[in-house]
């Protein structure tokens, strides 16, 4: 059972930056993809960004140009650099890793953006 632990959340003023990290308990080399989703209060969980083992990245339209996902196989981690944060980015952010047959979620980290 792979365990994922997120860190780096917090409160920041609009326009500011945060960097989220996701540490995995096992090697991430076998993960087909790692990514981030988020869930705002009263809303369903939504895709934010992903990175495949081959380096292909994808982003939700709402974060393109502001967020950057990266993964470090040696450190068994993935990160999400968030710049130009907006109040609508406020949510709990979840790390997800996917293999061919399974998906694993972290416990989430809160991000709050205030004006």
N, C-alpha and C. Protein backbone atom coordinates (compact mmCIF):
# COMPACT_ATOMS: atom_id res chain seq x y z
N UNK A 1 0.84 -1.19 0.00
CA UNK A 1 0.00 0.00 0.00
C UNK A 1 0.88 1.25 0.00
N UNK A 2 0.78 2.03 -1.05
CA UNK A 2 1.57 3.24 -1.15
C UNK A 2 0.93 4.33 -0.29
N UNK A 3 1.74 5.04 0.44
CA UNK A 3 1.24 6.17 1.23
C UNK A 3 1.81 7.46 0.66
N UNK A 4 0.96 8.45 0.57
CA UNK A 4 1.36 9.76 0.07
C UNK A 4 1.11 10.79 1.16
N UNK A 5 2.07 11.66 1.36
CA UNK A 5 1.94 12.70 2.38
C UNK A 5 2.20 14.05 1.74
N UNK A 6 1.20 14.91 1.80
CA UNK A 6 1.35 16.26 1.25
C UNK A 6 1.84 17.23 2.32
N UNK A 7 2.50 18.26 1.87
CA UNK A 7 2.93 19.34 2.77
C UNK A 7 3.05 20.62 1.96
N UNK A 8 3.16 21.73 2.67
CA UNK A 8 3.38 23.01 2.01
C UNK A 8 2.18 23.90 1.89
N UNK A 9 1.02 23.43 2.34
CA UNK A 9 -0.16 24.28 2.29
C UNK A 9 -0.06 25.41 3.29
N UNK A 10 -1.01 26.33 3.21
CA UNK A 10 -1.02 27.45 4.13
C UNK A 10 -1.90 28.57 3.62
N UNK A 11 -1.78 29.72 4.24
CA UNK A 11 -2.54 30.90 3.84
C UNK A 11 -1.61 31.90 3.17
N UNK A 12 -2.10 32.50 2.11
CA UNK A 12 -1.27 33.44 1.36
C UNK A 12 -2.17 34.51 0.76
N UNK A 13 -1.61 35.68 0.61
CA UNK A 13 -2.36 36.77 -0.01
C UNK A 13 -2.45 36.55 -1.52
N UNK A 14 -3.53 37.01 -2.10
CA UNK A 14 -3.71 36.90 -3.55
C UNK A 14 -2.49 37.47 -4.27
N UNK A 15 -2.06 36.74 -5.28
CA UNK A 15 -0.86 37.12 -6.02
C UNK A 15 0.40 36.44 -5.51
N UNK A 16 0.30 35.82 -4.36
CA UNK A 16 1.45 35.16 -3.76
C UNK A 16 1.69 33.77 -4.31
N UNK A 17 2.64 33.07 -3.70
CA UNK A 17 3.04 31.75 -4.17
C UNK A 17 3.11 30.75 -3.02
N UNK A 18 2.87 29.52 -3.36
CA UNK A 18 3.07 28.40 -2.45
C UNK A 18 3.62 27.23 -3.24
N UNK A 19 4.35 26.38 -2.56
CA UNK A 19 4.86 25.16 -3.18
C UNK A 19 4.40 23.96 -2.37
N UNK A 20 3.62 23.11 -3.00
CA UNK A 20 3.15 21.89 -2.36
C UNK A 20 4.08 20.74 -2.71
N UNK A 21 4.29 19.86 -1.74
CA UNK A 21 5.10 18.68 -1.96
C UNK A 21 4.33 17.43 -1.61
N UNK A 22 4.60 16.37 -2.32
CA UNK A 22 3.97 15.08 -2.06
C UNK A 22 5.07 14.03 -1.98
N UNK A 23 5.20 13.43 -0.81
CA UNK A 23 6.22 12.40 -0.61
C UNK A 23 5.57 11.03 -0.60
N UNK A 24 6.16 10.10 -1.35
CA UNK A 24 5.62 8.75 -1.44
C UNK A 24 6.43 7.78 -0.59
N UNK A 25 5.75 6.77 -0.08
CA UNK A 25 6.43 5.80 0.78
C UNK A 25 7.24 4.79 -0.03
N UNK A 26 6.93 4.66 -1.31
CA UNK A 26 7.65 3.72 -2.18
C UNK A 26 8.17 4.45 -3.41
N UNK A 27 8.98 3.76 -4.16
CA UNK A 27 9.51 4.34 -5.37
C UNK A 27 8.38 4.80 -6.29
N UNK A 28 8.53 5.97 -6.86
CA UNK A 28 7.50 6.47 -7.77
C UNK A 28 7.81 6.11 -9.21
N UNK A 29 8.91 5.38 -9.40
CA UNK A 29 9.31 5.06 -10.78
C UNK A 29 8.23 4.28 -11.49
N UNK A 30 7.52 3.42 -10.74
CA UNK A 30 6.51 2.58 -11.37
C UNK A 30 5.18 3.29 -11.57
N UNK A 31 5.06 4.48 -11.02
CA UNK A 31 3.81 5.20 -11.17
C UNK A 31 3.66 5.71 -12.60
N UNK A 32 2.55 5.38 -13.22
CA UNK A 32 2.31 5.91 -14.55
C UNK A 32 2.16 7.42 -14.53
N UNK A 33 1.57 7.90 -13.45
CA UNK A 33 1.36 9.34 -13.35
C UNK A 33 1.25 9.74 -11.89
N UNK A 34 1.64 10.96 -11.63
CA UNK A 34 1.39 11.60 -10.34
C UNK A 34 0.73 12.93 -10.63
N UNK A 35 -0.10 13.34 -9.71
CA UNK A 35 -0.81 14.59 -9.98
C UNK A 35 -1.42 15.20 -8.75
N UNK A 36 -2.14 16.26 -9.00
CA UNK A 36 -2.81 17.00 -7.95
C UNK A 36 -4.26 17.27 -8.34
N UNK A 37 -5.13 17.10 -7.38
CA UNK A 37 -6.52 17.48 -7.50
C UNK A 37 -6.82 18.43 -6.34
N UNK A 38 -7.95 19.09 -6.41
CA UNK A 38 -8.34 19.97 -5.31
C UNK A 38 -9.84 19.94 -5.11
N UNK A 39 -10.25 20.28 -3.90
CA UNK A 39 -11.67 20.33 -3.58
C UNK A 39 -11.95 21.56 -2.74
N UNK A 40 -12.73 22.44 -3.31
CA UNK A 40 -13.14 23.65 -2.60
C UNK A 40 -14.40 23.36 -1.80
N UNK A 41 -14.67 24.15 -0.77
CA UNK A 41 -15.87 23.92 0.04
C UNK A 41 -17.14 23.91 -0.81
N UNK A 42 -17.94 22.88 -0.64
CA UNK A 42 -19.20 22.78 -1.36
C UNK A 42 -19.08 22.38 -2.81
N UNK A 43 -17.87 22.04 -3.24
CA UNK A 43 -17.68 21.65 -4.64
C UNK A 43 -17.09 20.26 -4.73
N UNK A 44 -17.18 19.68 -5.92
CA UNK A 44 -16.60 18.37 -6.13
C UNK A 44 -15.10 18.49 -6.37
N UNK A 45 -14.40 17.38 -6.14
CA UNK A 45 -12.97 17.38 -6.36
C UNK A 45 -12.68 17.52 -7.85
N UNK A 46 -11.67 18.32 -8.18
CA UNK A 46 -11.36 18.57 -9.58
C UNK A 46 -9.88 18.40 -9.87
N UNK A 47 -9.60 18.05 -11.10
CA UNK A 47 -8.23 17.88 -11.57
C UNK A 47 -7.51 19.23 -11.59
N UNK A 48 -6.23 19.21 -11.20
CA UNK A 48 -5.41 20.41 -11.26
C UNK A 48 -4.23 20.21 -12.23
N UNK A 49 -3.44 19.18 -12.00
CA UNK A 49 -2.25 18.97 -12.83
C UNK A 49 -1.81 17.52 -12.70
N UNK A 50 -1.09 17.06 -13.72
CA UNK A 50 -0.53 15.71 -13.68
C UNK A 50 0.78 15.67 -14.44
N UNK A 51 1.58 14.66 -14.10
CA UNK A 51 2.86 14.44 -14.76
C UNK A 51 3.04 12.94 -14.95
N UNK A 52 3.26 12.51 -16.18
CA UNK A 52 3.44 11.09 -16.43
C UNK A 52 4.89 10.68 -16.24
N UNK A 53 5.12 9.39 -16.24
CA UNK A 53 6.48 8.87 -16.08
C UNK A 53 7.39 9.33 -17.21
N UNK A 54 6.83 9.59 -18.37
CA UNK A 54 7.63 10.03 -19.51
C UNK A 54 7.83 11.54 -19.54
N UNK A 55 7.22 12.23 -18.56
CA UNK A 55 7.45 13.66 -18.48
C UNK A 55 6.36 14.52 -19.09
N UNK A 56 5.34 13.89 -19.60
CA UNK A 56 4.23 14.67 -20.15
C UNK A 56 3.42 15.29 -19.02
N UNK A 57 3.13 16.56 -19.13
CA UNK A 57 2.35 17.25 -18.10
C UNK A 57 1.03 17.74 -18.67
N UNK A 58 0.08 17.90 -17.78
CA UNK A 58 -1.23 18.42 -18.16
C UNK A 58 -1.74 19.30 -17.04
N UNK A 59 -2.50 20.32 -17.41
CA UNK A 59 -3.01 21.28 -16.43
C UNK A 59 -4.46 21.61 -16.71
N UNK A 60 -5.18 21.90 -15.64
CA UNK A 60 -6.53 22.45 -15.81
C UNK A 60 -6.39 23.84 -16.41
N UNK A 61 -7.36 24.22 -17.21
CA UNK A 61 -7.30 25.54 -17.85
C UNK A 61 -7.19 26.66 -16.82
N UNK A 62 -7.81 26.46 -15.68
CA UNK A 62 -7.84 27.51 -14.66
C UNK A 62 -6.48 27.78 -14.02
N UNK A 63 -5.52 26.86 -14.19
CA UNK A 63 -4.21 27.06 -13.54
C UNK A 63 -3.07 27.14 -14.54
N UNK A 64 -3.36 26.96 -15.81
CA UNK A 64 -2.30 27.02 -16.83
C UNK A 64 -1.57 28.36 -16.78
N UNK A 65 -0.26 28.27 -16.85
CA UNK A 65 0.55 29.48 -16.81
C UNK A 65 0.86 29.97 -15.42
N UNK A 66 0.19 29.41 -14.42
CA UNK A 66 0.43 29.83 -13.03
C UNK A 66 1.02 28.70 -12.18
N UNK A 67 0.60 27.47 -12.45
CA UNK A 67 1.05 26.32 -11.67
C UNK A 67 2.02 25.48 -12.50
N UNK A 68 2.98 24.87 -11.82
CA UNK A 68 3.92 23.98 -12.48
C UNK A 68 4.10 22.72 -11.64
N UNK A 69 3.91 21.58 -12.28
CA UNK A 69 4.09 20.31 -11.59
C UNK A 69 5.45 19.73 -11.94
N UNK A 70 6.07 19.09 -10.97
CA UNK A 70 7.34 18.43 -11.23
C UNK A 70 7.41 17.17 -10.37
N UNK A 71 8.26 16.24 -10.76
CA UNK A 71 8.44 15.03 -9.98
C UNK A 71 9.91 14.70 -9.91
N UNK A 72 10.31 14.14 -8.80
CA UNK A 72 11.70 13.77 -8.56
C UNK A 72 11.72 12.29 -8.17
N UNK A 73 12.12 11.45 -9.12
CA UNK A 73 12.10 10.01 -8.87
C UNK A 73 13.04 9.64 -7.74
N UNK A 74 14.21 10.25 -7.68
CA UNK A 74 15.20 9.93 -6.65
C UNK A 74 14.66 10.25 -5.26
N UNK A 75 13.91 11.33 -5.14
CA UNK A 75 13.38 11.75 -3.85
C UNK A 75 11.99 11.18 -3.59
N UNK A 76 11.49 10.40 -4.53
CA UNK A 76 10.15 9.81 -4.40
C UNK A 76 9.12 10.89 -4.08
N UNK A 77 9.13 11.95 -4.85
CA UNK A 77 8.23 13.06 -4.55
C UNK A 77 7.75 13.76 -5.80
N UNK A 78 6.69 14.49 -5.62
CA UNK A 78 6.17 15.36 -6.67
C UNK A 78 5.83 16.70 -6.02
N UNK A 79 5.93 17.75 -6.80
CA UNK A 79 5.69 19.08 -6.27
C UNK A 79 4.76 19.85 -7.17
N UNK A 80 4.11 20.83 -6.59
CA UNK A 80 3.26 21.73 -7.35
C UNK A 80 3.62 23.16 -6.96
N UNK A 81 4.26 23.87 -7.86
CA UNK A 81 4.60 25.27 -7.63
C UNK A 81 3.42 26.11 -8.09
N UNK A 82 2.89 26.90 -7.17
CA UNK A 82 1.70 27.69 -7.46
C UNK A 82 2.04 29.16 -7.34
N UNK A 83 1.99 29.86 -8.45
CA UNK A 83 2.27 31.29 -8.49
C UNK A 83 1.00 32.05 -8.88
N UNK A 84 1.00 33.34 -8.58
CA UNK A 84 -0.17 34.14 -8.95
C UNK A 84 -1.47 33.61 -8.37
N UNK A 85 -1.43 33.21 -7.11
CA UNK A 85 -2.60 32.58 -6.51
C UNK A 85 -3.79 33.54 -6.43
N UNK A 86 -4.96 32.98 -6.62
CA UNK A 86 -6.21 33.73 -6.60
C UNK A 86 -7.12 33.18 -5.49
N UNK A 87 -8.05 33.97 -5.01
CA UNK A 87 -8.97 33.46 -3.99
C UNK A 87 -9.69 32.19 -4.43
N UNK A 88 -9.98 32.07 -5.71
CA UNK A 88 -10.66 30.87 -6.20
C UNK A 88 -9.78 29.62 -6.20
N UNK A 89 -8.51 29.77 -5.89
CA UNK A 89 -7.62 28.61 -5.73
C UNK A 89 -7.74 28.01 -4.33
N UNK A 90 -8.48 28.66 -3.46
CA UNK A 90 -8.66 28.14 -2.11
C UNK A 90 -9.34 26.78 -2.15
N UNK A 91 -8.70 25.80 -1.55
CA UNK A 91 -9.21 24.42 -1.57
C UNK A 91 -8.28 23.52 -0.76
N UNK A 92 -8.73 22.31 -0.57
CA UNK A 92 -7.83 21.26 -0.07
C UNK A 92 -7.21 20.59 -1.29
N UNK A 93 -5.91 20.52 -1.30
CA UNK A 93 -5.19 19.95 -2.43
C UNK A 93 -4.73 18.53 -2.09
N UNK A 94 -5.02 17.62 -3.01
CA UNK A 94 -4.71 16.21 -2.81
C UNK A 94 -3.71 15.73 -3.85
N UNK A 95 -2.75 14.99 -3.39
CA UNK A 95 -1.81 14.33 -4.29
C UNK A 95 -2.38 12.98 -4.68
N UNK A 96 -2.18 12.58 -5.92
CA UNK A 96 -2.62 11.27 -6.38
C UNK A 96 -1.51 10.63 -7.18
N UNK A 97 -1.35 9.34 -7.00
CA UNK A 97 -0.43 8.57 -7.82
C UNK A 97 -1.19 7.42 -8.45
N UNK A 98 -0.84 7.10 -9.66
CA UNK A 98 -1.59 6.08 -10.39
C UNK A 98 -0.64 5.07 -11.02
N UNK A 99 -0.96 3.80 -10.81
CA UNK A 99 -0.28 2.75 -11.52
C UNK A 99 -1.25 2.21 -12.56
N UNK A 100 -0.89 1.12 -13.19
CA UNK A 100 -1.76 0.54 -14.19
C UNK A 100 -3.09 0.11 -13.60
N UNK A 101 -3.05 -0.34 -12.34
CA UNK A 101 -4.25 -0.92 -11.76
C UNK A 101 -4.78 -0.20 -10.54
N UNK A 102 -4.03 0.71 -9.96
CA UNK A 102 -4.44 1.34 -8.70
C UNK A 102 -4.22 2.84 -8.71
N UNK A 103 -4.98 3.48 -7.83
CA UNK A 103 -4.79 4.90 -7.57
C UNK A 103 -4.65 5.11 -6.07
N UNK A 104 -3.76 6.01 -5.68
CA UNK A 104 -3.52 6.29 -4.27
C UNK A 104 -3.66 7.78 -4.04
N UNK A 105 -4.29 8.12 -2.91
CA UNK A 105 -4.50 9.52 -2.57
C UNK A 105 -3.81 9.87 -1.26
N UNK A 106 -3.33 11.10 -1.18
CA UNK A 106 -2.84 11.62 0.09
C UNK A 106 -4.01 12.14 0.90
N UNK A 107 -3.69 12.65 2.09
CA UNK A 107 -4.74 13.09 3.00
C UNK A 107 -5.17 14.53 2.74
N UNK A 108 -4.42 15.23 1.93
CA UNK A 108 -4.78 16.60 1.55
C UNK A 108 -4.07 17.65 2.38
N UNK A 109 -3.88 18.80 1.78
CA UNK A 109 -3.29 19.94 2.48
C UNK A 109 -4.09 21.19 2.09
N UNK A 110 -4.38 22.02 3.09
CA UNK A 110 -5.25 23.17 2.86
C UNK A 110 -4.46 24.35 2.29
N UNK A 111 -5.06 24.96 1.27
CA UNK A 111 -4.52 26.20 0.71
C UNK A 111 -5.62 27.25 0.81
N UNK A 112 -5.30 28.38 1.40
CA UNK A 112 -6.26 29.47 1.54
C UNK A 112 -5.64 30.74 0.97
N UNK A 113 -6.34 31.37 0.05
CA UNK A 113 -5.86 32.59 -0.59
C UNK A 113 -6.81 33.72 -0.24
N UNK A 114 -6.30 34.77 0.37
CA UNK A 114 -7.14 35.88 0.81
C UNK A 114 -6.76 37.16 0.09
N UNK A 115 -7.72 38.04 0.01
CA UNK A 115 -7.49 39.34 -0.66
C UNK A 115 -7.04 40.37 0.34
